[in-house]
Amino acid sequence: MFDIGFGEALLIGVVAILVFGPDRLPEFARQAGRFLRQVKKMADATRDDIRNELGPEFADLELADLDPRRIVRKHVMEAMADEGPASANPRQGPRLREGEVPPWDVDAT
């Protein structure tokens, strides 16, 4: 979830012990756990509300699907798959032969 390794988690624990002290650390850990559970419940409720508002065709919607990078990547890949092989693409210019140098436009660079 947070992509934290063992060494990083150990460092966070040592810093937490130094900052909060060993007496207050268990209570702080309980509060942090409660906070994370509440955040997860709110995220799940938000996802469910979005699913209900969008209708049955979006029943499999995940919050990660709303990431703009993922949306663009998905639609670009779908468009590339719809075009078929590169040789069938009419917008593509003539293919270069082995060893042929592509045309160079000085004004374009």
PDB file of N, CA and C in Angstrom:
ATOM      1  N   MET A   1       0.825  -1.187   0.000  1.00  0.00           N
ATOM      2  CA  MET A   1       0.000   0.000   0.000  1.00  0.00           C
ATOM      3  C   MET A   1       0.874   1.257   0.000  1.00  0.00           C
ATOM      4  N   PHE A   2       1.828   1.365   0.926  1.00  0.00           N
ATOM      5  CA  PHE A   2       2.673   2.537   0.994  1.00  0.00           C
ATOM      6  C   PHE A   2       4.036   2.294   0.381  1.00  0.00           C
ATOM      7  N   ASP A   3       4.319   1.055  -0.039  1.00  0.00           N
ATOM      8  CA  ASP A   3       5.588   0.709  -0.652  1.00  0.00           C
ATOM      9  C   ASP A   3       6.760   1.065   0.264  1.00  0.00           C
ATOM     10  N   ILE A   4       6.675   0.613   1.524  1.00  0.00           N
ATOM     11  CA  ILE A   4       7.724   0.858   2.507  1.00  0.00           C
ATOM     12  C   ILE A   4       8.435  -0.459   2.771  1.00  0.00           C
ATOM     13  N   GLY A   5       9.755  -0.432   2.673  1.00  0.00           N
ATOM     14  CA  GLY A   5      10.545  -1.621   2.939  1.00  0.00           C
ATOM     15  C   GLY A   5      10.771  -1.816   4.429  1.00  0.00           C
ATOM     16  N   PHE A   6      11.431  -2.940   4.781  1.00  0.00           N
ATOM     17  CA  PHE A   6      11.668  -3.263   6.188  1.00  0.00           C
ATOM     18  C   PHE A   6      12.559  -2.221   6.844  1.00  0.00           C
ATOM     19  N   GLY A   7      13.623  -1.821   6.182  1.00  0.00           N
ATOM     20  CA  GLY A   7      14.543  -0.831   6.746  1.00  0.00           C
ATOM     21  C   GLY A   7      13.870   0.502   6.994  1.00  0.00           C
ATOM     22  N   GLU A   8      13.026   0.917   6.073  1.00  0.00           N
ATOM     23  CA  GLU A   8      12.309   2.180   6.234  1.00  0.00           C
ATOM     24  C   GLU A   8      11.319   2.099   7.390  1.00  0.00           C
ATOM     25  N   ALA A   9      10.616   0.962   7.506  1.00  0.00           N
ATOM     26  CA  ALA A   9       9.667   0.783   8.607  1.00  0.00           C
ATOM     27  C   ALA A   9      10.401   0.783   9.945  1.00  0.00           C
ATOM     28  N   LEU A  10      11.565   0.156   9.997  1.00  0.00           N
ATOM     29  CA  LEU A  10      12.363   0.133  11.222  1.00  0.00           C
ATOM     30  C   LEU A  10      12.796   1.542  11.593  1.00  0.00           C
ATOM     31  N   LEU A  11      13.228   2.324  10.632  1.00  0.00           N
ATOM     32  CA  LEU A  11      13.634   3.704  10.885  1.00  0.00           C
ATOM     33  C   LEU A  11      12.460   4.533  11.392  1.00  0.00           C
ATOM     34  N   ILE A  12      11.291   4.351  10.801  1.00  0.00           N
ATOM     35  CA  ILE A  12      10.097   5.072  11.259  1.00  0.00           C
ATOM     36  C   ILE A  12       9.773   4.690  12.697  1.00  0.00           C
ATOM     37  N   GLY A  13       9.895   3.399  13.024  1.00  0.00           N
ATOM     38  CA  GLY A  13       9.641   2.946  14.390  1.00  0.00           C
ATOM     39  C   GLY A  13      10.604   3.548  15.394  1.00  0.00           C
ATOM     40  N   VAL A  14      11.884   3.598  15.054  1.00  0.00           N
ATOM     41  CA  VAL A  14      12.889   4.168  15.968  1.00  0.00           C
ATOM     42  C   VAL A  14      12.619   5.653  16.172  1.00  0.00           C
ATOM     43  N   VAL A  15      12.312   6.361  15.097  1.00  0.00           N
ATOM     44  CA  VAL A  15      12.012   7.790  15.220  1.00  0.00           C
ATOM     45  C   VAL A  15      10.751   7.986  16.061  1.00  0.00           C
ATOM     46  N   ALA A  16       9.750   7.150  15.881  1.00  0.00           N
ATOM     47  CA  ALA A  16       8.514   7.257  16.664  1.00  0.00           C
ATOM     48  C   ALA A  16       8.792   7.030  18.144  1.00  0.00           C
ATOM     49  N   ILE A  17       9.634   6.066  18.463  1.00  0.00           N
ATOM     50  CA  ILE A  17       9.979   5.824  19.875  1.00  0.00           C
ATOM     51  C   ILE A  17      10.697   7.031  20.455  1.00  0.00           C
ATOM     52  N   LEU A  18      11.594   7.627  19.685  1.00  0.00           N
ATOM     53  CA  LEU A  18      12.330   8.797  20.174  1.00  0.00           C
ATOM     54  C   LEU A  18      11.416  10.010  20.336  1.00  0.00           C
ATOM     55  N   VAL A  19      10.497  10.208  19.421  1.00  0.00           N
ATOM     56  CA  VAL A  19       9.631  11.390  19.463  1.00  0.00           C
ATOM     57  C   VAL A  19       8.527  11.238  20.504  1.00  0.00           C
ATOM     58  N   PHE A  20       7.841  10.106  20.509  1.00  0.00           N
ATOM     59  CA  PHE A  20       6.684   9.940  21.389  1.00  0.00           C
ATOM     60  C   PHE A  20       7.025   9.272  22.712  1.00  0.00           C
ATOM     61  N   GLY A  21       8.119   8.588  22.774  1.00  0.00           N
ATOM     62  CA  GLY A  21       8.492   7.875  23.994  1.00  0.00           C
ATOM     63  C   GLY A  21       7.814   6.526  24.047  1.00  0.00           C
ATOM     64  N   PRO A  22       8.436   5.586  24.739  1.00  0.00           N
ATOM     65  CA  PRO A  22       7.874   4.229  24.791  1.00  0.00           C
ATOM     66  C   PRO A  22       6.548   4.148  25.547  1.00  0.00           C
ATOM     67  N   ASP A  23       6.250   5.128  26.401  1.00  0.00           N
ATOM     68  CA  ASP A  23       5.002   5.071  27.170  1.00  0.00           C
ATOM     69  C   ASP A  23       3.792   5.473  26.322  1.00  0.00           C
ATOM     70  N   ARG A  24       3.951   6.468  25.456  1.00  0.00           N
ATOM     71  CA  ARG A  24       2.830   6.966  24.660  1.00  0.00           C
ATOM     72  C   ARG A  24       2.732   6.300  23.296  1.00  0.00           C
ATOM     73  N   LEU A  25       3.728   5.548  22.909  1.00  0.00           N
ATOM     74  CA  LEU A  25       3.741   4.949  21.577  1.00  0.00           C
ATOM     75  C   LEU A  25       2.586   3.976  21.328  1.00  0.00           C
ATOM     76  N   PRO A  26       2.229   3.080  22.272  1.00  0.00           N
ATOM     77  CA  PRO A  26       1.102   2.169  21.990  1.00  0.00           C
ATOM     78  C   PRO A  26      -0.221   2.908  21.731  1.00  0.00           C
ATOM     79  N   GLU A  27      -0.478   3.971  22.500  1.00  0.00           N
ATOM     80  CA  GLU A  27      -1.713   4.726  22.289  1.00  0.00           C
ATOM     81  C   GLU A  27      -1.673   5.437  20.939  1.00  0.00           C
ATOM     82  N   PHE A  28      -0.522   5.977  20.578  1.00  0.00           N
ATOM     83  CA  PHE A  28      -0.382   6.634  19.281  1.00  0.00           C
ATOM     84  C   PHE A  28      -0.587   5.630  18.144  1.00  0.00           C
ATOM     85  N   ALA A  29      -0.063   4.430  18.290  1.00  0.00           N
ATOM     86  CA  ALA A  29      -0.232   3.397  17.264  1.00  0.00           C
ATOM     87  C   ALA A  29      -1.709   3.015  17.126  1.00  0.00           C
ATOM     88  N   ARG A  30      -2.432   2.928  18.243  1.00  0.00           N
ATOM     89  CA  ARG A  30      -3.868   2.635  18.187  1.00  0.00           C
ATOM     90  C   ARG A  30      -4.623   3.738  17.455  1.00  0.00           C
ATOM     91  N   GLN A  31      -4.292   4.994  17.757  1.00  0.00           N
ATOM     92  CA  GLN A  31      -4.947   6.114  17.089  1.00  0.00           C
ATOM     93  C   GLN A  31      -4.636   6.117  15.594  1.00  0.00           C
ATOM     94  N   ALA A  32      -3.399   5.826  15.234  1.00  0.00           N
ATOM     95  CA  ALA A  32      -3.021   5.774  13.823  1.00  0.00           C
ATOM     96  C   ALA A  32      -3.782   4.653  13.113  1.00  0.00           C
ATOM     97  N   GLY A  33      -3.924   3.499  13.778  1.00  0.00           N
ATOM     98  CA  GLY A  33      -4.679   2.391  13.199  1.00  0.00           C
ATOM     99  C   GLY A  33      -6.140   2.750  12.987  1.00  0.00           C
ATOM    100  N   ARG A  34      -6.744   3.413  13.976  1.00  0.00           N
ATOM    101  CA  ARG A  34      -8.139   3.850  13.844  1.00  0.00           C
ATOM    102  C   ARG A  34      -8.295   4.843  12.692  1.00  0.00           C
ATOM    103  N   PHE A  35      -7.346   5.768  12.604  1.00  0.00           N
ATOM    104  CA  PHE A  35      -7.393   6.763  11.533  1.00  0.00           C
ATOM    105  C   PHE A  35      -7.318   6.089  10.159  1.00  0.00           C
ATOM    106  N   LEU A  36      -6.411   5.146   9.997  1.00  0.00           N
ATOM    107  CA  LEU A  36      -6.280   4.456   8.714  1.00  0.00           C
ATOM    108  C   LEU A  36      -7.530   3.655   8.371  1.00  0.00           C
ATOM    109  N   ARG A  37      -8.154   3.021   9.377  1.00  0.00           N
ATOM    110  CA  ARG A  37      -9.401   2.296   9.135  1.00  0.00           C
ATOM    111  C   ARG A  37     -10.510   3.253   8.688  1.00  0.00           C
ATOM    112  N   GLN A  38     -10.585   4.436   9.324  1.00  0.00           N
ATOM    113  CA  GLN A  38     -11.600   5.414   8.931  1.00  0.00           C
ATOM    114  C   GLN A  38     -11.368   5.911   7.507  1.00  0.00           C
ATOM    115  N   VAL A  39     -10.109   6.146   7.150  1.00  0.00           N
ATOM    116  CA  VAL A  39      -9.800   6.598   5.794  1.00  0.00           C
ATOM    117  C   VAL A  39     -10.197   5.524   4.794  1.00  0.00           C
ATOM    118  N   LYS A  40      -9.911   4.255   5.098  1.00  0.00           N
ATOM    119  CA  LYS A  40     -10.281   3.165   4.192  1.00  0.00           C
ATOM    120  C   LYS A  40     -11.797   3.067   4.054  1.00  0.00           C
ATOM    121  N   LYS A  41     -12.526   3.205   5.170  1.00  0.00           N
ATOM    122  CA  LYS A  41     -13.988   3.167   5.101  1.00  0.00           C
ATOM    123  C   LYS A  41     -14.533   4.309   4.249  1.00  0.00           C
ATOM    124  N   MET A  42     -13.944   5.511   4.397  1.00  0.00           N
ATOM    125  CA  MET A  42     -14.405   6.651   3.601  1.00  0.00           C
ATOM    126  C   MET A  42     -14.105   6.426   2.116  1.00  0.00           C
ATOM    127  N   ALA A  43     -12.935   5.884   1.802  1.00  0.00           N
ATOM    128  CA  ALA A  43     -12.589   5.611   0.406  1.00  0.00           C
ATOM    129  C   ALA A  43     -13.526   4.567  -0.184  1.00  0.00           C
ATOM    130  N   ASP A  44     -13.827   3.520   0.582  1.00  0.00           N
ATOM    131  CA  ASP A  44     -14.752   2.492   0.107  1.00  0.00           C
ATOM    132  C   ASP A  44     -16.157   3.068  -0.105  1.00  0.00           C
ATOM    133  N   ALA A  45     -16.598   3.919   0.832  1.00  0.00           N
ATOM    134  CA  ALA A  45     -17.918   4.532   0.703  1.00  0.00           C
ATOM    135  C   ALA A  45     -17.960   5.447  -0.525  1.00  0.00           C
ATOM    136  N   THR A  46     -16.887   6.183  -0.758  1.00  0.00           N
ATOM    137  CA  THR A  46     -16.825   7.056  -1.926  1.00  0.00           C
ATOM    138  C   THR A  46     -16.884   6.244  -3.212  1.00  0.00           C
ATOM    139  N   ARG A  47     -16.117   5.150  -3.260  1.00  0.00           N
ATOM    140  CA  ARG A  47     -16.135   4.281  -4.439  1.00  0.00           C
ATOM    141  C   ARG A  47     -17.532   3.732  -4.684  1.00  0.00           C
ATOM    142  N   ASP A  48     -18.182   3.277  -3.613  1.00  0.00           N
ATOM    143  CA  ASP A  48     -19.537   2.725  -3.755  1.00  0.00           C
ATOM    144  C   ASP A  48     -20.533   3.791  -4.224  1.00  0.00           C
ATOM    145  N   ASP A  49     -20.399   5.023  -3.695  1.00  0.00           N
ATOM    146  CA  ASP A  49     -21.288   6.107  -4.136  1.00  0.00           C
ATOM    147  C   ASP A  49     -21.081   6.404  -5.619  1.00  0.00           C
ATOM    148  N   ILE A  50     -19.827   6.443  -6.054  1.00  0.00           N
ATOM    149  CA  ILE A  50     -19.544   6.705  -7.469  1.00  0.00           C
ATOM    150  C   ILE A  50     -20.120   5.594  -8.335  1.00  0.00           C
ATOM    151  N   ARG A  51     -19.953   4.341  -7.906  1.00  0.00           N
ATOM    152  CA  ARG A  51     -20.500   3.206  -8.664  1.00  0.00           C
ATOM    153  C   ARG A  51     -22.013   3.316  -8.786  1.00  0.00           C
ATOM    154  N   ASN A  52     -22.680   3.658  -7.663  1.00  0.00           N
ATOM    155  CA  ASN A  52     -24.139   3.763  -7.681  1.00  0.00           C
ATOM    156  C   ASN A  52     -24.612   4.896  -8.585  1.00  0.00           C
ATOM    157  N   GLU A  53     -23.899   6.023  -8.575  1.00  0.00           N
ATOM    158  CA  GLU A  53     -24.301   7.164  -9.388  1.00  0.00           C
ATOM    159  C   GLU A  53     -24.062   6.918 -10.871  1.00  0.00           C
ATOM    160  N   LEU A  54     -22.996   6.212 -11.222  1.00  0.00           N
ATOM    161  CA  LEU A  54     -22.678   5.985 -12.630  1.00  0.00           C
ATOM    162  C   LEU A  54     -23.528   4.896 -13.269  1.00  0.00           C
ATOM    163  N   GLY A  55     -24.047   3.988 -12.468  1.00  0.00           N
ATOM    164  CA  GLY A  55     -24.923   2.963 -13.005  1.00  0.00           C
ATOM    165  C   GLY A  55     -24.260   1.602 -13.114  1.00  0.00           C
ATOM    166  N   PRO A  56     -25.014   0.620 -13.606  1.00  0.00           N
ATOM    167  CA  PRO A  56     -24.533  -0.761 -13.619  1.00  0.00           C
ATOM    168  C   PRO A  56     -23.357  -1.011 -14.569  1.00  0.00           C
ATOM    169  N   GLU A  57     -23.189  -0.173 -15.605  1.00  0.00           N
ATOM    170  CA  GLU A  57     -22.081  -0.424 -16.529  1.00  0.00           C
ATOM    171  C   GLU A  57     -20.723  -0.121 -15.891  1.00  0.00           C
ATOM    172  N   PHE A  58     -20.722   0.554 -14.752  1.00  0.00           N
ATOM    173  CA  PHE A  58     -19.483   0.848 -14.040  1.00  0.00           C
ATOM    174  C   PHE A  58     -19.407   0.086 -12.717  1.00  0.00           C
ATOM    175  N   ALA A  59     -20.010  -1.077 -12.649  1.00  0.00           N
ATOM    176  CA  ALA A  59     -20.038  -1.852 -11.409  1.00  0.00           C
ATOM    177  C   ALA A  59     -18.655  -2.327 -10.997  1.00  0.00           C
ATOM    178  N   ASP A  60     -17.746  -2.467 -11.952  1.00  0.00           N
ATOM    179  CA  ASP A  60     -16.408  -2.949 -11.623  1.00  0.00           C
ATOM    180  C   ASP A  60     -15.406  -1.807 -11.461  1.00  0.00           C
ATOM    181  N   LEU A  61     -15.876  -0.577 -11.281  1.00  0.00           N
ATOM    182  CA  LEU A  61     -15.021   0.587 -11.158  1.00  0.00           C
ATOM    183  C   LEU A  61     -14.190   0.535  -9.877  1.00  0.00           C
ATOM    184  N   GLU A  62     -12.925   0.840  -9.994  1.00  0.00           N
ATOM    185  CA  GLU A  62     -12.034   0.973  -8.845  1.00  0.00           C
ATOM    186  C   GLU A  62     -11.530   2.412  -8.820  1.00  0.00           C
ATOM    187  N   LEU A  63     -11.184   2.917  -7.627  1.00  0.00           N
ATOM    188  CA  LEU A  63     -10.705   4.287  -7.528  1.00  0.00           C
ATOM    189  C   LEU A  63      -9.417   4.488  -8.323  1.00  0.00           C
ATOM    190  N   ALA A  64      -8.601   3.467  -8.433  1.00  0.00           N
ATOM    191  CA  ALA A  64      -7.361   3.580  -9.206  1.00  0.00           C
ATOM    192  C   ALA A  64      -7.660   3.805 -10.688  1.00  0.00           C
ATOM    193  N   ASP A  65      -8.855   3.402 -11.150  1.00  0.00           N
ATOM    194  CA  ASP A  65      -9.230   3.612 -12.542  1.00  0.00           C
ATOM    195  C   ASP A  65      -9.438   5.090 -12.851  1.00  0.00           C
ATOM    196  N   LEU A  66      -9.588   5.925 -11.819  1.00  0.00           N
ATOM    197  CA  LEU A  66      -9.813   7.346 -12.022  1.00  0.00           C
ATOM    198  C   LEU A  66      -8.507   8.127 -12.136  1.00  0.00           C
ATOM    199  N   ASP A  67      -7.381   7.456 -12.031  1.00  0.00           N
ATOM    200  CA  ASP A  67      -6.074   8.093 -12.169  1.00  0.00           C
ATOM    201  C   ASP A  67      -5.901   8.529 -13.619  1.00  0.00           C
ATOM    202  N   PRO A  68      -5.656   9.820 -13.880  1.00  0.00           N
ATOM    203  CA  PRO A  68      -5.545  10.292 -15.272  1.00  0.00           C
ATOM    204  C   PRO A  68      -4.480   9.558 -16.071  1.00  0.00           C
ATOM    205  N   ARG A  69      -3.364   9.207 -15.450  1.00  0.00           N
ATOM    206  CA  ARG A  69      -2.314   8.495 -16.184  1.00  0.00           C
ATOM    207  C   ARG A  69      -2.816   7.137 -16.641  1.00  0.00           C
ATOM    208  N   ARG A  70      -3.568   6.460 -15.793  1.00  0.00           N
ATOM    209  CA  ARG A  70      -4.088   5.144 -16.142  1.00  0.00           C
ATOM    210  C   ARG A  70      -5.156   5.252 -17.235  1.00  0.00           C
ATOM    211  N   ILE A  71      -5.994   6.276 -17.159  1.00  0.00           N
ATOM    212  CA  ILE A  71      -7.041   6.460 -18.161  1.00  0.00           C
ATOM    213  C   ILE A  71      -6.426   6.693 -19.532  1.00  0.00           C
ATOM    214  N   VAL A  72      -5.439   7.589 -19.589  1.00  0.00           N
ATOM    215  CA  VAL A  72      -4.797   7.890 -20.873  1.00  0.00           C
ATOM    216  C   VAL A  72      -4.117   6.643 -21.424  1.00  0.00           C
ATOM    217  N   ARG A  73      -3.375   5.936 -20.572  1.00  0.00           N
ATOM    218  CA  ARG A  73      -2.680   4.731 -21.013  1.00  0.00           C
ATOM    219  C   ARG A  73      -3.671   3.701 -21.554  1.00  0.00           C
ATOM    220  N   LYS A  74      -4.804   3.534 -20.864  1.00  0.00           N
ATOM    221  CA  LYS A  74      -5.805   2.554 -21.291  1.00  0.00           C
ATOM    222  C   LYS A  74      -6.365   2.912 -22.663  1.00  0.00           C
ATOM    223  N   HIS A  75      -6.718   4.177 -22.857  1.00  0.00           N
ATOM    224  CA  HIS A  75      -7.332   4.572 -24.120  1.00  0.00           C
ATOM    225  C   HIS A  75      -6.323   4.581 -25.265  1.00  0.00           C
ATOM    226  N   VAL A  76      -5.085   4.922 -24.978  1.00  0.00           N
ATOM    227  CA  VAL A  76      -4.065   4.870 -26.027  1.00  0.00           C
ATOM    228  C   VAL A  76      -3.841   3.427 -26.450  1.00  0.00           C
ATOM    229  N   MET A  77      -3.747   2.522 -25.488  1.00  0.00           N
ATOM    230  CA  MET A  77      -3.545   1.108 -25.822  1.00  0.00           C
ATOM    231  C   MET A  77      -4.735   0.561 -26.603  1.00  0.00           C
ATOM    232  N   GLU A  78      -5.957   0.946 -26.227  1.00  0.00           N
ATOM    233  CA  GLU A  78      -7.140   0.491 -26.963  1.00  0.00           C
ATOM    234  C   GLU A  78      -7.126   1.029 -28.388  1.00  0.00           C
ATOM    235  N   ALA A  79      -6.737   2.295 -28.555  1.00  0.00           N
ATOM    236  CA  ALA A  79      -6.694   2.882 -29.897  1.00  0.00           C
ATOM    237  C   ALA A  79      -5.640   2.192 -30.749  1.00  0.00           C
ATOM    238  N   MET A  80      -4.510   1.864 -30.146  1.00  0.00           N
ATOM    239  CA  MET A  80      -3.459   1.175 -30.894  1.00  0.00           C
ATOM    240  C   MET A  80      -3.919  -0.221 -31.295  1.00  0.00           C
ATOM    241  N   ALA A  81      -4.653  -0.884 -30.428  1.00  0.00           N
ATOM    242  CA  ALA A  81      -5.148  -2.220 -30.744  1.00  0.00           C
ATOM    243  C   ALA A  81      -6.205  -2.161 -31.847  1.00  0.00           C
ATOM    244  N   ASP A  82      -7.008  -1.089 -31.863  1.00  0.00           N
ATOM    245  CA  ASP A  82      -8.041  -0.939 -32.890  1.00  0.00           C
ATOM    246  C   ASP A  82      -7.447  -0.674 -34.271  1.00  0.00           C
ATOM    247  N   GLU A  83      -6.275  -0.045 -34.327  1.00  0.00           N
ATOM    248  CA  GLU A  83      -5.670   0.279 -35.613  1.00  0.00           C
ATOM    249  C   GLU A  83      -5.102  -0.939 -36.313  1.00  0.00           C
ATOM    250  N   GLY A  84      -4.805  -1.969 -35.576  1.00  0.00           N
ATOM    251  CA  GLY A  84      -4.251  -3.179 -36.180  1.00  0.00           C
ATOM    252  C   GLY A  84      -2.762  -3.045 -36.405  1.00  0.00           C
ATOM    253  N   PRO A  85      -2.207  -3.885 -37.271  1.00  0.00           N
ATOM    254  CA  PRO A  85      -0.767  -3.839 -37.504  1.00  0.00           C
ATOM    255  C   PRO A  85      -0.359  -2.529 -38.165  1.00  0.00           C
ATOM    256  N   ALA A  86       0.929  -2.146 -37.964  1.00  0.00           N
ATOM    257  CA  ALA A  86       1.425  -0.858 -38.463  1.00  0.00           C
ATOM    258  C   ALA A  86       1.363  -0.786 -39.979  1.00  0.00           C
ATOM    259  N   SER A  87       1.525  -1.905 -40.663  1.00  0.00           N
ATOM    260  CA  SER A  87       1.522  -1.868 -42.127  1.00  0.00           C
ATOM    261  C   SER A  87       0.131  -1.557 -42.683  1.00  0.00           C
ATOM    262  N   ALA A  88      -0.916  -1.799 -41.893  1.00  0.00           N
ATOM    263  CA  ALA A  88      -2.275  -1.539 -42.351  1.00  0.00           C
ATOM    264  C   ALA A  88      -2.702  -0.100 -42.080  1.00  0.00           C
ATOM    265  N   ASN A  89      -1.856   0.699 -41.424  1.00  0.00           N
ATOM    266  CA  ASN A  89      -2.200   2.058 -41.062  1.00  0.00           C
ATOM    267  C   ASN A  89      -2.010   2.972 -42.273  1.00  0.00           C
ATOM    268  N   PRO A  90      -3.084   3.548 -42.832  1.00  0.00           N
ATOM    269  CA  PRO A  90      -2.950   4.398 -44.027  1.00  0.00           C
ATOM    270  C   PRO A  90      -2.276   5.728 -43.724  1.00  0.00           C
ATOM    271  N   ARG A  91      -2.267   6.183 -42.469  1.00  0.00           N
ATOM    272  CA  ARG A  91      -1.643   7.454 -42.139  1.00  0.00           C
ATOM    273  C   ARG A  91      -0.124   7.346 -42.092  1.00  0.00           C
ATOM    274  N   GLN A  92       0.379   6.154 -42.016  1.00  0.00           N
ATOM    275  CA  GLN A  92       1.819   5.962 -41.933  1.00  0.00           C
ATOM    276  C   GLN A  92       2.413   6.100 -43.333  1.00  0.00           C
ATOM    277  N   GLY A  93       3.529   6.799 -43.420  1.00  0.00           N
ATOM    278  CA  GLY A  93       4.174   7.017 -44.712  1.00  0.00           C
ATOM    279  C   GLY A  93       4.807   5.736 -45.218  1.00  0.00           C
ATOM    280  N   PRO A  94       5.506   5.850 -46.345  1.00  0.00           N
ATOM    281  CA  PRO A  94       6.154   4.659 -46.914  1.00  0.00           C
ATOM    282  C   PRO A  94       7.251   4.156 -45.990  1.00  0.00           C
ATOM    283  N   ARG A  95       7.426   2.857 -45.969  1.00  0.00           N
ATOM    284  CA  ARG A  95       8.453   2.249 -45.124  1.00  0.00           C
ATOM    285  C   ARG A  95       9.830   2.483 -45.724  1.00  0.00           C
ATOM    286  N   LEU A  96      10.811   2.653 -44.846  1.00  0.00           N
ATOM    287  CA  LEU A  96      12.193   2.830 -45.287  1.00  0.00           C
ATOM    288  C   LEU A  96      12.814   1.478 -45.579  1.00  0.00           C
ATOM    289  N   ARG A  97      13.649   1.457 -46.594  1.00  0.00           N
ATOM    290  CA  ARG A  97      14.389   0.230 -46.883  1.00  0.00           C
ATOM    291  C   ARG A  97      15.579   0.123 -45.951  1.00  0.00           C
ATOM    292  N   GLU A  98      16.149  -1.051 -45.866  1.00  0.00           N
ATOM    293  CA  GLU A  98      17.313  -1.315 -45.022  1.00  0.00           C
ATOM    294  C   GLU A  98      18.437  -0.335 -45.351  1.00  0.00           C
ATOM    295  N   GLY A  99      18.904   0.411 -44.352  1.00  0.00           N
ATOM    296  CA  GLY A  99      20.010   1.342 -44.516  1.00  0.00           C
ATOM    297  C   GLY A  99      19.606   2.706 -45.043  1.00  0.00           C
ATOM    298  N   GLU A 100      18.348   2.898 -45.416  1.00  0.00           N
ATOM    299  CA  GLU A 100      17.896   4.183 -45.944  1.00  0.00           C
ATOM    300  C   GLU A 100      17.740   5.190 -44.810  1.00  0.00           C
ATOM    301  N   VAL A 101      18.147   6.417 -45.040  1.00  0.00           N
ATOM    302  CA  VAL A 101      18.076   7.473 -44.026  1.00  0.00           C
ATOM    303  C   VAL A 101      16.728   8.170 -44.151  1.00  0.00           C
ATOM    304  N   PRO A 102      16.025   8.382 -43.029  1.00  0.00           N
ATOM    305  CA  PRO A 102      14.729   9.060 -43.102  1.00  0.00           C
ATOM    306  C   PRO A 102      14.915  10.522 -43.489  1.00  0.00           C
ATOM    307  N   PRO A 103      13.884  11.137 -44.059  1.00  0.00           N
ATOM    308  CA  PRO A 103      13.992  12.545 -44.440  1.00  0.00           C
ATOM    309  C   PRO A 103      14.182  13.420 -43.205  1.00  0.00           C
ATOM    310  N   TRP A 104      14.924  14.510 -43.373  1.00  0.00           N
ATOM    311  CA  TRP A 104      15.246  15.391 -42.250  1.00  0.00           C
ATOM    312  C   TRP A 104      14.703  16.776 -42.569  1.00  0.00           C
ATOM    313  N   ASP A 105      13.898  17.313 -41.693  1.00  0.00           N
ATOM    314  CA  ASP A 105      13.338  18.644 -41.885  1.00  0.00           C
ATOM    315  C   ASP A 105      14.030  19.602 -40.920  1.00  0.00           C
ATOM    316  N   VAL A 106      14.870  20.477 -41.440  1.00  0.00           N
ATOM    317  CA  VAL A 106      15.645  21.401 -40.611  1.00  0.00           C
ATOM    318  C   VAL A 106      14.731  22.357 -39.874  1.00  0.00           C
ATOM    319  N   ASP A 107      13.660  22.789 -40.489  1.00  0.00           N
ATOM    320  CA  ASP A 107      12.759  23.742 -39.870  1.00  0.00           C
ATOM    321  C   ASP A 107      11.951  23.133 -38.734  1.00  0.00           C
ATOM    322  N   ALA A 108      11.793  21.831 -38.723  1.00  0.00           N
ATOM    323  CA  ALA A 108      10.964  21.174 -37.695  1.00  0.00           C
ATOM    324  C   ALA A 108      11.727  20.932 -36.400  1.00  0.00           C
ATOM    325  N   THR A 109      13.055  21.025 -36.443  1.00  0.00           N
ATOM    326  CA  THR A 109      13.820  20.734 -35.226  1.00  0.00           C
ATOM    327  C   THR A 109      14.424  21.934 -34.613  1.00  0.00           C
TER     328      THR A 109
END
